C-alpha atoms as a PDB file:
ATOM      1  CA  MET A   1      12.851 112.711-141.057  1.00  0.00           C
ATOM      2  CA  LEU A   2      14.887 114.881-138.759  1.00  0.00           C
ATOM      3  CA  SER A   3      13.706 116.689-135.661  1.00  0.00           C
ATOM      4  CA  LYS A   4      13.897 120.483-135.651  1.00  0.00           C
ATOM      5  CA  GLU A   5      16.869 120.333-133.281  1.00  0.00           C
ATOM      6  CA  VAL A   6      18.820 117.902-135.473  1.00  0.00           C
ATOM      7  CA  ARG A   7      18.007 119.896-138.635  1.00  0.00           C
ATOM      8  CA  LYS A   8      19.640 122.947-137.041  1.00  0.00           C
ATOM      9  CA  SER A   9      22.892 121.000-136.606  1.00  0.00           C
ATOM     10  CA  LEU A  10      22.918 119.650-140.180  1.00  0.00           C
ATOM     11  CA  LYS A  11      25.746 121.290-142.134  1.00  0.00           C
ATOM     12  CA  GLU A  12      25.429 119.412-145.397  1.00  0.00           C
ATOM     13  CA  ARG A  13      23.741 116.419-146.986  1.00  0.00           C
ATOM     14  CA  GLU A  14      24.822 114.755-150.175  1.00  0.00           C
ATOM     15  CA  PRO A  15      22.753 112.079-151.884  1.00  0.00           C
ATOM     16  CA  MET A  16      25.360 110.113-153.860  1.00  0.00           C
ATOM     17  CA  SER A  17      23.118 107.488-155.430  1.00  0.00           C
ATOM     18  CA  GLU A  18      19.949 105.555-154.742  1.00  0.00           C
ATOM     19  CA  ARG A  19      22.030 103.442-152.297  1.00  0.00           C
ATOM     20  CA  THR A  20      24.239 106.040-150.585  1.00  0.00           C
ATOM     21  CA  ILE A  21      23.734 109.344-148.769  1.00  0.00           C
ATOM     22  CA  SER A  22      26.132 111.335-146.612  1.00  0.00           C
ATOM     23  CA  ALA A  23      25.167 113.893-143.949  1.00  0.00           C
ATOM     24  CA  ARG A  24      27.560 116.156-142.061  1.00  0.00           C
ATOM     25  CA  PHE A  25      26.657 117.671-138.688  1.00  0.00           C
ATOM     26  CA  LYS A  26      28.104 120.518-136.589  1.00  0.00           C
ATOM     27  CA  CYS A  27      28.419 118.278-133.544  1.00  0.00           C
ATOM     28  CA  GLN A  28      32.146 117.381-133.344  1.00  0.00           C
ATOM     29  CA  ASN A  29      32.375 117.381-137.166  1.00  0.00           C
ATOM     30  CA  THR A  30      30.335 114.201-137.337  1.00  0.00           C
ATOM     31  CA  THR A  31      29.519 112.583-140.679  1.00  0.00           C
ATOM     32  CA  ILE A  32      26.974 109.810-141.094  1.00  0.00           C
ATOM     33  CA  ILE A  33      27.143 107.747-144.260  1.00  0.00           C
ATOM     34  CA  GLN A  34      24.005 105.665-144.870  1.00  0.00           C
ATOM     35  CA  VAL A  35      24.338 102.840-147.374  1.00  0.00           C
ATOM     36  CA  TYR A  36      22.006 100.120-148.576  1.00  0.00           C
ATOM     37  CA  ALA A  37      24.112  97.035-149.260  1.00  0.00           C
ATOM     38  CA  THR A  38      23.768  94.704-152.213  1.00  0.00           C
ATOM     39  CA  THR A  39      23.158  90.979-151.911  1.00  0.00           C
ATOM     40  CA  ASN A  40      25.770  88.355-152.777  1.00  0.00           C
ATOM     41  CA  GLU A  41      23.616  87.402-155.747  1.00  0.00           C
ATOM     42  CA  ALA A  42      23.968  90.881-157.303  1.00  0.00           C
ATOM     43  CA  GLU A  43      26.057  91.214-160.426  1.00  0.00           C
ATOM     44  CA  GLU A  44      29.727  92.037-159.894  1.00  0.00           C
ATOM     45  CA  GLU A  45      29.293  95.463-161.501  1.00  0.00           C
ATOM     46  CA  VAL A  46      26.572  96.369-158.976  1.00  0.00           C
ATOM     47  CA  LYS A  47      28.735  95.198-156.053  1.00  0.00           C
ATOM     48  CA  ASP A  48      31.779  97.066-157.379  1.00  0.00           C
ATOM     49  CA  ASP A  49      29.698 100.244-157.756  1.00  0.00           C
ATOM     50  CA  TYR A  50      28.414  99.907-154.171  1.00  0.00           C
ATOM     51  CA  TYR A  51      31.925  99.620-152.721  1.00  0.00           C
ATOM     52  CA  HIS A  52      33.187 102.439-154.940  1.00  0.00           C
ATOM     53  CA  GLN A  53      30.410 104.755-153.645  1.00  0.00           C
ATOM     54  CA  LEU A  54      31.178 103.818-150.039  1.00  0.00           C
ATOM     55  CA  HIS A  55      34.911 104.391-150.577  1.00  0.00           C
ATOM     56  CA  THR A  56      34.264 107.767-152.251  1.00  0.00           C
ATOM     57  CA  ALA A  57      31.929 108.946-149.480  1.00  0.00           C
ATOM     58  CA  PHE A  58      34.439 107.904-146.810  1.00  0.00           C
ATOM     59  CA  ASN A  59      37.418 109.552-148.509  1.00  0.00           C
ATOM     60  CA  LYS A  60      35.625 112.899-148.949  1.00  0.00           C
ATOM     61  CA  ARG A  61      35.741 113.471-145.201  1.00  0.00           C
ATOM     62  CA  LYS A  62      38.672 114.810-143.232  1.00  0.00           C
ATOM     63  CA  THR A  63      40.465 112.263-141.100  1.00  0.00           C
ATOM     64  CA  ARG A  64      39.827 114.208-137.904  1.00  0.00           C
ATOM     65  CA  ASN A  65      36.054 113.947-138.382  1.00  0.00           C
ATOM     66  CA  LEU A  66      33.994 111.333-136.598  1.00  0.00           C
ATOM     67  CA  ILE A  67      32.597 109.112-139.365  1.00  0.00           C
ATOM     68  CA  VAL A  68      29.737 106.706-138.722  1.00  0.00           C
ATOM     69  CA  ILE A  69      28.804 104.229-141.444  1.00  0.00           C
ATOM     70  CA  VAL A  70      25.291 102.832-141.175  1.00  0.00           C
ATOM     71  CA  SER A  71      24.525  99.963-143.508  1.00  0.00           C
ATOM     72  CA  LEU A  72      21.270  98.208-144.217  1.00  0.00           C
ATOM     73  CA  ILE A  73      22.468  94.741-145.059  1.00  0.00           C
ATOM     74  CA  ASN A  74      20.178  92.900-147.395  1.00  0.00           C
ATOM     75  CA  ALA A  75      20.266  89.449-145.806  1.00  0.00           C
ATOM     76  CA  GLU A  76      18.232  86.454-146.822  1.00  0.00           C
ATOM     77  CA  ILE A  77      16.930  84.148-144.110  1.00  0.00           C
ATOM     78  CA  SER A  78      15.954  80.590-144.823  1.00  0.00           C
ATOM     79  CA  SER A  79      15.184  77.467-142.826  1.00  0.00           C
ATOM     80  CA  ASP A  80      17.325  75.515-145.307  1.00  0.00           C
ATOM     81  CA  ASN A  81      20.825  75.830-143.829  1.00  0.00           C
ATOM     82  CA  ARG A  82      22.484  73.025-145.812  1.00  0.00           C
ATOM     83  CA  ASN A  83      24.178  75.443-148.230  1.00  0.00           C
END
């Protein structure tokens, strides 16, 4: 959800997949790329696809833009720290 003020500054949004979305704002040509990371236990194809989407989203932006990458890292926490 975006506030009315932030919505006015939104130039473009691009959902790239269920894990990746990119939003470009008027403010200093700022781009925010939101990604939901895979776990280490995910299959290699899923991990490769995640990094490919991130790479594609990053490379679509001009180098003079401010790019912020926000990642939700899917960590697992356990009291068993032997491994």
